[in-house]
C-alpha atoms as a PDB file:
ATOM      1  CA  MET A   1     128.072-190.126 -45.280  1.00  0.00           C
ATOM      2  CA  ILE A   2     130.327-192.860 -44.195  1.00  0.00           C
ATOM      3  CA  VAL A   3     131.309-194.392 -47.930  1.00  0.00           C
ATOM      4  CA  ALA A   4     134.640-196.457 -47.313  1.00  0.00           C
ATOM      5  CA  LEU A   5     137.819-197.216 -45.087  1.00  0.00           C
ATOM      6  CA  ASP A   6     140.430-194.878 -46.063  1.00  0.00           C
ATOM      7  CA  HIS A   7     143.280-196.714 -43.875  1.00  0.00           C
ATOM      8  CA  VAL A   8     144.394-197.992 -40.386  1.00  0.00           C
ATOM      9  CA  GLN A   9     146.290-196.451 -38.094  1.00  0.00           C
ATOM     10  CA  LEU A  10     148.566-198.594 -35.690  1.00  0.00           C
ATOM     11  CA  ALA A  11     151.261-197.009 -33.554  1.00  0.00           C
ATOM     12  CA  ALA A  12     155.319-198.169 -33.075  1.00  0.00           C
ATOM     13  CA  PRO A  13     158.121-196.864 -30.478  1.00  0.00           C
ATOM     14  CA  PRO A  14     160.327-195.038 -32.368  1.00  0.00           C
ATOM     15  CA  GLY A  15     163.227-196.398 -34.639  1.00  0.00           C
ATOM     16  CA  ASN A  16     161.484-199.521 -35.545  1.00  0.00           C
ATOM     17  CA  GLU A  17     160.809-198.088 -39.099  1.00  0.00           C
ATOM     18  CA  GLU A  18     163.534-200.581 -40.925  1.00  0.00           C
ATOM     19  CA  ARG A  19     162.415-203.680 -38.613  1.00  0.00           C
ATOM     20  CA  LEU A  20     158.383-202.480 -39.713  1.00  0.00           C
ATOM     21  CA  ARG A  21     159.210-201.888 -43.550  1.00  0.00           C
ATOM     22  CA  ALA A  22     160.810-205.715 -43.973  1.00  0.00           C
ATOM     23  CA  TYR A  23     158.230-206.763 -41.967  1.00  0.00           C
ATOM     24  CA  CYS A  24     155.086-205.226 -44.298  1.00  0.00           C
ATOM     25  CA  ALA A  25     156.673-205.780 -47.189  1.00  0.00           C
ATOM     26  CA  GLY A  26     158.693-209.060 -46.724  1.00  0.00           C
ATOM     27  CA  VAL A  27     156.158-210.669 -44.930  1.00  0.00           C
ATOM     28  CA  PRO A  28     151.835-209.634 -45.573  1.00  0.00           C
ATOM     29  CA  GLY A  29     153.143-208.419 -48.775  1.00  0.00           C
ATOM     30  CA  MET A  30     152.333-204.639 -48.226  1.00  0.00           C
ATOM     31  CA  THR A  31     154.025-201.967 -50.705  1.00  0.00           C
ATOM     32  CA  GLU A  32     155.621-198.507 -48.791  1.00  0.00           C
ATOM     33  CA  ILE A  33     153.790-196.247 -50.379  1.00  0.00           C
ATOM     34  CA  PRO A  34     155.494-191.941 -49.497  1.00  0.00           C
ATOM     35  CA  LYS A  35     154.091-189.660 -46.770  1.00  0.00           C
ATOM     36  CA  PRO A  36     154.200-186.582 -47.305  1.00  0.00           C
ATOM     37  CA  PRO A  37     156.815-184.475 -47.028  1.00  0.00           C
ATOM     38  CA  LEU A  38     155.484-182.028 -43.876  1.00  0.00           C
ATOM     39  CA  LEU A  39     154.529-185.854 -42.441  1.00  0.00           C
ATOM     40  CA  ALA A  40     157.270-188.326 -43.197  1.00  0.00           C
ATOM     41  CA  ARG A  41     159.221-186.306 -40.477  1.00  0.00           C
ATOM     42  CA  ARG A  42     156.814-187.238 -37.747  1.00  0.00           C
ATOM     43  CA  GLY A  43     158.647-191.123 -38.708  1.00  0.00           C
ATOM     44  CA  GLY A  44     156.919-194.028 -38.935  1.00  0.00           C
ATOM     45  CA  CYS A  45     155.444-195.709 -42.354  1.00  0.00           C
ATOM     46  CA  TRP A  46     153.065-196.413 -44.929  1.00  0.00           C
ATOM     47  CA  PHE A  47     151.821-199.238 -46.590  1.00  0.00           C
ATOM     48  CA  GLN A  48     149.213-200.491 -49.295  1.00  0.00           C
ATOM     49  CA  ALA A  49     147.623-203.626 -50.201  1.00  0.00           C
ATOM     50  CA  GLY A  50     145.322-203.488 -53.071  1.00  0.00           C
ATOM     51  CA  ALA A  51     142.026-200.975 -51.312  1.00  0.00           C
ATOM     52  CA  VAL A  52     143.791-201.578 -48.196  1.00  0.00           C
ATOM     53  CA  GLN A  53     146.131-198.894 -46.208  1.00  0.00           C
ATOM     54  CA  LEU A  54     147.973-199.550 -43.251  1.00  0.00           C
ATOM     55  CA  HIS A  55     149.357-196.048 -41.657  1.00  0.00           C
ATOM     56  CA  LEU A  56     152.167-196.701 -39.219  1.00  0.00           C
ATOM     57  CA  GLY A  57     152.577-193.740 -36.905  1.00  0.00           C
ATOM     58  CA  THR A  58     155.335-193.778 -34.283  1.00  0.00           C
ATOM     59  CA  GLU A  59     154.819-193.138 -30.160  1.00  0.00           C
ATOM     60  CA  GLU A  60     157.042-192.194 -27.034  1.00  0.00           C
ATOM     61  CA  ASP A  61     155.580-194.355 -24.944  1.00  0.00           C
ATOM     62  CA  PHE A  62     154.026-197.282 -27.312  1.00  0.00           C
ATOM     63  CA  ARG A  63     152.418-199.910 -26.234  1.00  0.00           C
ATOM     64  CA  ALA A  64     150.757-202.177 -27.802  1.00  0.00           C
ATOM     65  CA  ALA A  65     147.196-202.622 -27.535  1.00  0.00           C
ATOM     66  CA  LYS A  66     146.357-206.273 -26.936  1.00  0.00           C
ATOM     67  CA  LYS A  67     142.558-206.613 -28.435  1.00  0.00           C
ATOM     68  CA  ALA A  68     142.123-203.427 -30.523  1.00  0.00           C
ATOM     69  CA  HIS A  69     143.505-204.748 -33.987  1.00  0.00           C
ATOM     70  CA  PRO A  70     142.667-203.953 -38.085  1.00  0.00           C
ATOM     71  CA  GLY A  71     141.242-206.941 -39.252  1.00  0.00           C
ATOM     72  CA  LEU A  72     142.535-207.649 -42.927  1.00  0.00           C
ATOM     73  CA  ARG A  73     140.680-209.691 -44.901  1.00  0.00           C
ATOM     74  CA  VAL A  74     142.434-211.938 -47.439  1.00  0.00           C
ATOM     75  CA  THR A  75     142.397-214.316 -50.286  1.00  0.00           C
ATOM     76  CA  GLY A  76     143.667-218.242 -50.299  1.00  0.00           C
ATOM     77  CA  ILE A  77     144.358-217.920 -46.144  1.00  0.00           C
ATOM     78  CA  ASP A  78     145.831-220.929 -45.493  1.00  0.00           C
ATOM     79  CA  ALA A  79     148.489-220.116 -48.325  1.00  0.00           C
ATOM     80  CA  TYR A  80     148.751-216.936 -46.283  1.00  0.00           C
ATOM     81  CA  ALA A  81     149.043-218.181 -43.030  1.00  0.00           C
ATOM     82  CA  ALA A  82     151.929-220.655 -44.271  1.00  0.00           C
ATOM     83  CA  ARG A  83     153.656-217.758 -45.326  1.00  0.00           C
ATOM     84  CA  LEU A  84     153.848-215.103 -42.620  1.00  0.00           C
ATOM     85  CA  ALA A  85     154.649-218.763 -40.640  1.00  0.00           C
ATOM     86  CA  ALA A  86     157.661-219.193 -42.487  1.00  0.00           C
ATOM     87  CA  HIS A  87     158.911-215.960 -42.131  1.00  0.00           C
ATOM     88  CA  GLY A  88     158.977-216.566 -38.083  1.00  0.00           C
ATOM     89  CA  ALA A  89     155.308-214.630 -38.063  1.00  0.00           C
ATOM     90  CA  PRO A  90     152.905-216.144 -34.874  1.00  0.00           C
ATOM     91  CA  VAL A  91     149.467-217.861 -37.012  1.00  0.00           C
ATOM     92  CA  THR A  92     146.924-218.637 -34.204  1.00  0.00           C
ATOM     93  CA  TRP A  93     143.694-219.760 -36.261  1.00  0.00           C
ATOM     94  CA  ASP A  94     140.575-218.686 -34.464  1.00  0.00           C
ATOM     95  CA  SER A  95     137.277-220.673 -35.629  1.00  0.00           C
ATOM     96  CA  ALA A  96     134.890-218.835 -33.643  1.00  0.00           C
ATOM     97  CA  LEU A  97     133.695-216.036 -36.163  1.00  0.00           C
ATOM     98  CA  PRO A  98     130.889-218.133 -38.148  1.00  0.00           C
ATOM     99  CA  GLY A  99     131.240-217.548 -42.478  1.00  0.00           C
ATOM    100  CA  HIS A 100     134.870-216.797 -41.436  1.00  0.00           C
ATOM    101  CA  LYS A 101     138.143-219.169 -40.979  1.00  0.00           C
ATOM    102  CA  ARG A 102     140.928-216.314 -39.678  1.00  0.00           C
ATOM    103  CA  PHE A 103     143.549-216.047 -37.715  1.00  0.00           C
ATOM    104  CA  TYR A 104     145.556-213.347 -35.517  1.00  0.00           C
ATOM    105  CA  SER A 105     149.592-212.910 -35.985  1.00  0.00           C
ATOM    106  CA  HIS A 106     151.360-210.025 -34.513  1.00  0.00           C
ATOM    107  CA  ASP A 107     153.955-207.389 -36.344  1.00  0.00           C
ATOM    108  CA  PRO A 108     157.072-207.008 -34.815  1.00  0.00           C
ATOM    109  CA  VAL A 109     156.447-204.458 -32.452  1.00  0.00           C
ATOM    110  CA  GLY A 110     153.279-206.650 -31.370  1.00  0.00           C
ATOM    111  CA  ASN A 111     150.523-204.720 -33.080  1.00  0.00           C
ATOM    112  CA  ARG A 112     148.044-207.985 -33.085  1.00  0.00           C
ATOM    113  CA  LEU A 113     146.821-208.241 -36.271  1.00  0.00           C
ATOM    114  CA  GLU A 114     143.862-210.514 -37.352  1.00  0.00           C
ATOM    115  CA  PHE A 115     143.340-212.301 -41.221  1.00  0.00           C
ATOM    116  CA  LEU A 116     139.996-213.803 -42.386  1.00  0.00           C
ATOM    117  CA  GLU A 117     138.689-214.934 -45.039  1.00  0.00           C
ATOM    118  CA  PRO A 118     134.411-215.488 -45.906  1.00  0.00           C
ATOM    119  CA  LEU A 119     133.883-219.237 -46.559  1.00  0.00           C
END
């Protein structure tokens, strides 16, 4: 029986860890968490906000997915969108999901991220 989602992993090109650290900590305001030593040797970085974990691993022939994305539930979505925009992150609102207010953005390597708040 599945009881929870443990984490979401996205890929990034090797050598972009510092850009991702600056983005994840500064823009959505996540906290970096340590990777286990054996996994840390592979590169990438992990982040957490509350119970949500986002793992960013490296991939040699990285290409950002155009459609695939994590959906991150937030509170105060208007202020959250303003925070992302103030940091230079794109914010594209989408009203197609009934009962929710949501927007899409992208991290520095092109990963698509959905931010949503139930109405």
